[in-house]
Amino acid sequence: MKTKTRYILRGAVKGNLWGGGQGWYPANSVVNSTLEEVKSEARARLDDDSLDSGMGFESLASAIFTITKETTKIINKKEYINNENIGGIAIGEKVPEAEFNNIYYNIIPSYNYDRKI
């Protein structure tokens, strides 16, 4: 039996709009084999403005993600996948609690993450 584990961050990014103001947009998913590596990669992608999924912000300010631990077991050449939501993370500029809760509990779940990563 072979086991693989990876961590997946899915969420939203807050950016500075051209011409003023800020807005939220779906973030690109971030995937890595350890929790620390996936968090580090998300921070680096926020810093280099590559975390938004096409919005075209002037610059990025912060991001909110759900964290999924995906464990795949291969038994007799068949894959069995278990996904476990292990919490959330906010990176970048501080997000007020009410705004965080709205994005985390209402907006992120509405994004379509059915596509294969």
N, C-alpha and C. Protein backbone atom coordinates (compact mmCIF):
# COMPACT_ATOMS: atom_id res chain seq x y z
N MET A 1 0.84 -1.17 0.00
CA MET A 1 0.00 0.00 0.00
C MET A 1 0.89 1.25 0.00
N LYS A 2 0.60 2.16 -0.91
CA LYS A 2 1.35 3.41 -1.00
C LYS A 2 0.45 4.55 -0.57
N THR A 3 1.01 5.50 0.20
CA THR A 3 0.23 6.65 0.68
C THR A 3 0.91 7.94 0.27
N LYS A 4 0.12 8.88 -0.28
CA LYS A 4 0.61 10.21 -0.64
C LYS A 4 -0.26 11.24 0.09
N THR A 5 0.38 12.29 0.59
CA THR A 5 -0.35 13.36 1.25
C THR A 5 0.03 14.68 0.60
N ARG A 6 -0.97 15.53 0.40
CA ARG A 6 -0.70 16.88 -0.08
C ARG A 6 -1.68 17.83 0.58
N TYR A 7 -1.29 19.08 0.64
CA TYR A 7 -2.11 20.12 1.25
C TYR A 7 -2.53 21.10 0.16
N ILE A 8 -3.80 21.47 0.17
CA ILE A 8 -4.36 22.33 -0.86
C ILE A 8 -4.98 23.55 -0.20
N LEU A 9 -4.56 24.73 -0.64
CA LEU A 9 -5.17 25.98 -0.19
C LEU A 9 -6.08 26.47 -1.31
N ARG A 10 -7.33 26.76 -0.95
CA ARG A 10 -8.30 27.32 -1.89
C ARG A 10 -8.93 28.53 -1.21
N GLY A 11 -9.09 29.62 -1.96
CA GLY A 11 -9.66 30.78 -1.30
C GLY A 11 -9.79 31.99 -2.18
N ALA A 12 -9.65 33.13 -1.54
CA ALA A 12 -9.85 34.42 -2.20
C ALA A 12 -8.68 35.34 -1.89
N VAL A 13 -8.41 36.23 -2.84
CA VAL A 13 -7.34 37.20 -2.67
C VAL A 13 -7.93 38.60 -2.71
N LYS A 14 -7.42 39.46 -1.84
CA LYS A 14 -7.85 40.86 -1.79
C LYS A 14 -6.77 41.70 -2.48
N GLY A 15 -7.21 42.51 -3.44
CA GLY A 15 -6.24 43.30 -4.18
C GLY A 15 -6.63 44.75 -4.27
N ASN A 16 -5.63 45.55 -4.60
CA ASN A 16 -5.84 46.97 -4.83
C ASN A 16 -6.25 47.17 -6.28
N LEU A 17 -7.40 47.79 -6.47
CA LEU A 17 -7.93 48.00 -7.81
C LEU A 17 -7.25 49.18 -8.49
N TRP A 18 -7.10 49.09 -9.80
CA TRP A 18 -6.57 50.21 -10.56
C TRP A 18 -7.56 51.35 -10.42
N GLY A 19 -7.09 52.50 -10.03
CA GLY A 19 -7.98 53.65 -9.87
C GLY A 19 -8.49 53.82 -8.45
N GLY A 20 -8.10 52.93 -7.53
CA GLY A 20 -8.49 53.08 -6.14
C GLY A 20 -9.44 52.02 -5.64
N GLY A 21 -9.43 51.82 -4.35
CA GLY A 21 -10.30 50.84 -3.71
C GLY A 21 -9.67 49.46 -3.69
N GLN A 22 -10.39 48.54 -3.04
CA GLN A 22 -9.95 47.16 -2.95
C GLN A 22 -11.12 46.24 -3.27
N GLY A 23 -10.81 45.02 -3.67
CA GLY A 23 -11.84 44.03 -3.95
C GLY A 23 -11.30 42.63 -3.75
N TRP A 24 -12.22 41.67 -3.74
CA TRP A 24 -11.87 40.25 -3.57
C TRP A 24 -12.11 39.52 -4.87
N TYR A 25 -11.31 38.47 -5.11
CA TYR A 25 -11.43 37.65 -6.32
C TYR A 25 -10.89 36.26 -5.97
N PRO A 26 -11.38 35.21 -6.66
CA PRO A 26 -10.85 33.87 -6.37
C PRO A 26 -9.33 33.82 -6.54
N ALA A 27 -8.68 33.16 -5.62
CA ALA A 27 -7.23 32.98 -5.70
C ALA A 27 -6.92 31.69 -6.44
N ASN A 28 -5.75 31.64 -7.05
CA ASN A 28 -5.27 30.38 -7.59
C ASN A 28 -5.05 29.42 -6.43
N SER A 29 -5.37 28.16 -6.65
CA SER A 29 -5.10 27.15 -5.62
C SER A 29 -3.60 26.97 -5.46
N VAL A 30 -3.19 26.64 -4.24
CA VAL A 30 -1.78 26.38 -3.95
C VAL A 30 -1.71 24.96 -3.40
N VAL A 31 -0.80 24.16 -3.96
CA VAL A 31 -0.69 22.75 -3.58
C VAL A 31 0.77 22.42 -3.29
N ASN A 32 0.99 21.71 -2.19
CA ASN A 32 2.33 21.26 -1.86
C ASN A 32 2.24 20.05 -0.94
N SER A 33 3.39 19.41 -0.71
CA SER A 33 3.38 18.14 0.03
C SER A 33 3.39 18.30 1.55
N THR A 34 3.73 19.50 2.06
CA THR A 34 3.68 19.71 3.51
C THR A 34 2.92 21.00 3.80
N LEU A 35 2.40 21.09 4.99
CA LEU A 35 1.63 22.26 5.39
C LEU A 35 2.50 23.51 5.39
N GLU A 36 3.70 23.41 5.93
CA GLU A 36 4.59 24.58 5.96
C GLU A 36 4.98 25.03 4.56
N GLU A 37 5.24 24.08 3.65
CA GLU A 37 5.60 24.45 2.28
C GLU A 37 4.46 25.13 1.55
N VAL A 38 3.23 24.65 1.75
CA VAL A 38 2.10 25.26 1.05
C VAL A 38 1.83 26.67 1.58
N LYS A 39 1.99 26.87 2.88
CA LYS A 39 1.82 28.22 3.45
C LYS A 39 2.91 29.16 2.94
N SER A 40 4.15 28.68 2.90
CA SER A 40 5.26 29.48 2.42
C SER A 40 5.08 29.86 0.95
N GLU A 41 4.63 28.90 0.14
CA GLU A 41 4.39 29.18 -1.28
C GLU A 41 3.28 30.22 -1.46
N ALA A 42 2.23 30.12 -0.66
CA ALA A 42 1.13 31.10 -0.76
C ALA A 42 1.63 32.50 -0.41
N ARG A 43 2.44 32.61 0.63
CA ARG A 43 3.00 33.92 1.02
C ARG A 43 3.87 34.49 -0.10
N ALA A 44 4.70 33.65 -0.69
CA ALA A 44 5.58 34.10 -1.78
C ALA A 44 4.77 34.55 -2.98
N ARG A 45 3.70 33.82 -3.30
CA ARG A 45 2.88 34.18 -4.46
C ARG A 45 2.05 35.43 -4.19
N LEU A 46 1.70 35.68 -2.93
CA LEU A 46 1.04 36.94 -2.59
C LEU A 46 2.03 38.09 -2.79
N ASP A 47 3.25 37.89 -2.34
CA ASP A 47 4.28 38.93 -2.44
C ASP A 47 4.64 39.26 -3.89
N ASP A 48 4.63 38.24 -4.77
CA ASP A 48 5.00 38.52 -6.17
C ASP A 48 3.78 38.74 -7.07
N ASP A 49 2.61 38.92 -6.45
CA ASP A 49 1.35 39.25 -7.16
C ASP A 49 0.90 38.18 -8.15
N SER A 50 1.24 36.91 -7.92
CA SER A 50 0.83 35.85 -8.84
C SER A 50 -0.27 34.97 -8.26
N LEU A 51 -0.92 35.43 -7.20
CA LEU A 51 -1.91 34.61 -6.52
C LEU A 51 -3.32 34.79 -7.08
N ASP A 52 -3.59 35.93 -7.70
CA ASP A 52 -4.94 36.12 -8.23
C ASP A 52 -5.10 35.30 -9.51
N SER A 53 -6.33 34.92 -9.78
CA SER A 53 -6.57 34.02 -10.91
C SER A 53 -7.09 34.77 -12.13
N GLY A 54 -6.50 35.90 -12.41
CA GLY A 54 -6.84 36.60 -13.63
C GLY A 54 -7.53 37.94 -13.46
N MET A 55 -7.75 38.38 -12.24
CA MET A 55 -8.44 39.64 -12.02
C MET A 55 -7.63 40.82 -12.54
N GLY A 56 -6.32 40.78 -12.35
CA GLY A 56 -5.49 41.88 -12.80
C GLY A 56 -5.46 43.04 -11.84
N PHE A 57 -5.36 42.75 -10.55
CA PHE A 57 -5.24 43.80 -9.55
C PHE A 57 -3.95 44.60 -9.80
N GLU A 58 -3.93 45.84 -9.34
CA GLU A 58 -2.71 46.64 -9.39
C GLU A 58 -1.65 45.99 -8.50
N SER A 59 -2.06 45.55 -7.32
CA SER A 59 -1.20 44.82 -6.40
C SER A 59 -2.10 44.03 -5.45
N LEU A 60 -1.52 43.04 -4.79
CA LEU A 60 -2.28 42.19 -3.87
C LEU A 60 -2.03 42.62 -2.43
N ALA A 61 -3.08 42.51 -1.61
CA ALA A 61 -2.99 42.94 -0.21
C ALA A 61 -3.02 41.76 0.76
N SER A 62 -3.95 40.84 0.58
CA SER A 62 -4.09 39.72 1.51
C SER A 62 -4.84 38.59 0.84
N ALA A 63 -4.90 37.46 1.54
CA ALA A 63 -5.62 36.30 1.02
C ALA A 63 -6.17 35.50 2.19
N ILE A 64 -7.28 34.82 1.93
CA ILE A 64 -7.90 33.93 2.91
C ILE A 64 -8.09 32.59 2.22
N PHE A 65 -7.67 31.52 2.90
CA PHE A 65 -7.75 30.18 2.33
C PHE A 65 -8.38 29.18 3.29
N THR A 66 -9.04 28.18 2.73
CA THR A 66 -9.33 26.96 3.47
C THR A 66 -8.15 26.03 3.24
N ILE A 67 -7.86 25.18 4.20
CA ILE A 67 -6.76 24.23 4.08
C ILE A 67 -7.35 22.82 4.03
N THR A 68 -7.06 22.12 2.95
CA THR A 68 -7.51 20.74 2.80
C THR A 68 -6.31 19.81 2.81
N LYS A 69 -6.37 18.80 3.65
CA LYS A 69 -5.35 17.75 3.66
C LYS A 69 -5.91 16.59 2.83
N GLU A 70 -5.23 16.29 1.74
CA GLU A 70 -5.67 15.21 0.86
C GLU A 70 -4.73 14.02 1.00
N THR A 71 -5.28 12.90 1.42
CA THR A 71 -4.49 11.68 1.58
C THR A 71 -4.97 10.66 0.55
N THR A 72 -4.04 10.19 -0.25
CA THR A 72 -4.36 9.19 -1.28
C THR A 72 -3.67 7.89 -0.92
N LYS A 73 -4.44 6.82 -0.87
CA LYS A 73 -3.89 5.48 -0.64
C LYS A 73 -4.11 4.66 -1.90
N ILE A 74 -3.07 3.97 -2.30
CA ILE A 74 -3.16 3.10 -3.47
C ILE A 74 -3.12 1.66 -2.98
N ILE A 75 -4.23 0.98 -3.21
CA ILE A 75 -4.38 -0.40 -2.76
C ILE A 75 -4.80 -1.23 -3.97
N ASN A 76 -4.01 -2.23 -4.30
CA ASN A 76 -4.29 -3.09 -5.46
C ASN A 76 -4.54 -2.25 -6.72
N LYS A 77 -3.68 -1.27 -6.94
CA LYS A 77 -3.71 -0.39 -8.12
C LYS A 77 -4.93 0.51 -8.20
N LYS A 78 -5.68 0.64 -7.11
CA LYS A 78 -6.83 1.55 -7.06
C LYS A 78 -6.51 2.67 -6.08
N GLU A 79 -6.89 3.91 -6.46
CA GLU A 79 -6.67 5.06 -5.59
C GLU A 79 -7.90 5.34 -4.74
N TYR A 80 -7.65 5.56 -3.47
CA TYR A 80 -8.69 5.95 -2.53
C TYR A 80 -8.26 7.29 -1.93
N ILE A 81 -9.10 8.31 -2.11
CA ILE A 81 -8.73 9.67 -1.70
C ILE A 81 -9.63 10.14 -0.56
N ASN A 82 -8.98 10.67 0.49
CA ASN A 82 -9.70 11.26 1.61
C ASN A 82 -9.33 12.74 1.70
N ASN A 83 -10.33 13.62 1.70
CA ASN A 83 -10.11 15.05 1.86
C ASN A 83 -10.63 15.47 3.22
N GLU A 84 -9.77 16.17 3.96
CA GLU A 84 -10.12 16.64 5.30
C GLU A 84 -9.86 18.13 5.39
N ASN A 85 -10.91 18.90 5.71
CA ASN A 85 -10.74 20.33 5.92
C ASN A 85 -10.11 20.51 7.29
N ILE A 86 -8.89 21.08 7.32
CA ILE A 86 -8.19 21.20 8.60
C ILE A 86 -8.11 22.65 9.08
N GLY A 87 -8.89 23.54 8.49
CA GLY A 87 -8.94 24.91 8.99
C GLY A 87 -8.74 25.94 7.91
N GLY A 88 -8.33 27.12 8.33
CA GLY A 88 -8.14 28.22 7.41
C GLY A 88 -6.92 29.04 7.77
N ILE A 89 -6.56 29.94 6.86
CA ILE A 89 -5.40 30.80 7.06
C ILE A 89 -5.65 32.12 6.35
N ALA A 90 -5.19 33.19 6.97
CA ALA A 90 -5.18 34.51 6.34
C ALA A 90 -3.73 34.96 6.26
N ILE A 91 -3.34 35.50 5.11
CA ILE A 91 -1.97 35.99 4.94
C ILE A 91 -2.01 37.41 4.39
N GLY A 92 -0.94 38.13 4.61
CA GLY A 92 -0.86 39.50 4.12
C GLY A 92 -1.41 40.49 5.12
N GLU A 93 -1.98 41.59 4.60
CA GLU A 93 -2.56 42.61 5.47
C GLU A 93 -3.65 42.02 6.36
N LYS A 94 -3.77 42.55 7.56
CA LYS A 94 -4.80 42.07 8.49
C LYS A 94 -6.19 42.32 7.90
N VAL A 95 -7.03 41.31 7.99
CA VAL A 95 -8.40 41.40 7.51
C VAL A 95 -9.31 41.49 8.73
N PRO A 96 -10.19 42.51 8.79
CA PRO A 96 -11.11 42.61 9.93
C PRO A 96 -11.93 41.32 10.10
N GLU A 97 -12.24 40.98 11.34
CA GLU A 97 -12.92 39.71 11.63
C GLU A 97 -14.22 39.54 10.86
N ALA A 98 -15.04 40.56 10.79
CA ALA A 98 -16.32 40.45 10.08
C ALA A 98 -16.10 40.18 8.59
N GLU A 99 -15.12 40.85 8.01
CA GLU A 99 -14.80 40.64 6.59
C GLU A 99 -14.25 39.23 6.38
N PHE A 100 -13.36 38.79 7.27
CA PHE A 100 -12.81 37.43 7.20
C PHE A 100 -13.94 36.41 7.23
N ASN A 101 -14.84 36.54 8.21
CA ASN A 101 -15.94 35.57 8.34
C ASN A 101 -16.82 35.54 7.10
N ASN A 102 -17.12 36.70 6.52
CA ASN A 102 -17.94 36.75 5.32
C ASN A 102 -17.24 36.03 4.17
N ILE A 103 -15.98 36.32 3.95
CA ILE A 103 -15.24 35.69 2.86
C ILE A 103 -15.09 34.19 3.11
N TYR A 104 -14.67 33.81 4.32
CA TYR A 104 -14.38 32.41 4.63
C TYR A 104 -15.63 31.53 4.60
N TYR A 105 -16.71 32.02 5.20
CA TYR A 105 -17.91 31.17 5.33
C TYR A 105 -18.93 31.34 4.21
N ASN A 106 -18.94 32.48 3.52
CA ASN A 106 -19.96 32.72 2.51
C ASN A 106 -19.43 32.75 1.09
N ILE A 107 -18.30 33.40 0.87
CA ILE A 107 -17.81 33.59 -0.49
C ILE A 107 -17.00 32.40 -0.99
N ILE A 108 -15.99 31.97 -0.24
CA ILE A 108 -15.13 30.87 -0.70
C ILE A 108 -15.93 29.60 -1.01
N PRO A 109 -16.90 29.20 -0.17
CA PRO A 109 -17.66 27.99 -0.50
C PRO A 109 -18.45 28.10 -1.81
N SER A 110 -18.70 29.31 -2.28
CA SER A 110 -19.47 29.48 -3.52
C SER A 110 -18.61 29.31 -4.77
N TYR A 111 -17.29 29.31 -4.63
CA TYR A 111 -16.41 29.14 -5.78
C TYR A 111 -16.46 27.69 -6.24
N ASN A 112 -16.35 27.49 -7.54
CA ASN A 112 -16.39 26.15 -8.12
C ASN A 112 -14.99 25.56 -8.13
N TYR A 113 -14.75 24.62 -7.24
CA TYR A 113 -13.45 23.95 -7.17
C TYR A 113 -13.54 22.50 -7.64
N ASP A 114 -14.49 22.21 -8.52
CA ASP A 114 -14.64 20.85 -8.99
C ASP A 114 -13.53 20.41 -9.96
N ARG A 115 -12.84 21.40 -10.53
CA ARG A 115 -11.79 21.04 -11.50
C ARG A 115 -10.64 20.34 -10.77
N LYS A 116 -9.98 19.44 -11.48
CA LYS A 116 -8.87 18.67 -10.93
C LYS A 116 -7.65 19.57 -10.78
N ILE A 117 -6.98 19.44 -9.66
CA ILE A 117 -5.77 20.23 -9.41
C ILE A 117 -4.56 19.37 -9.71
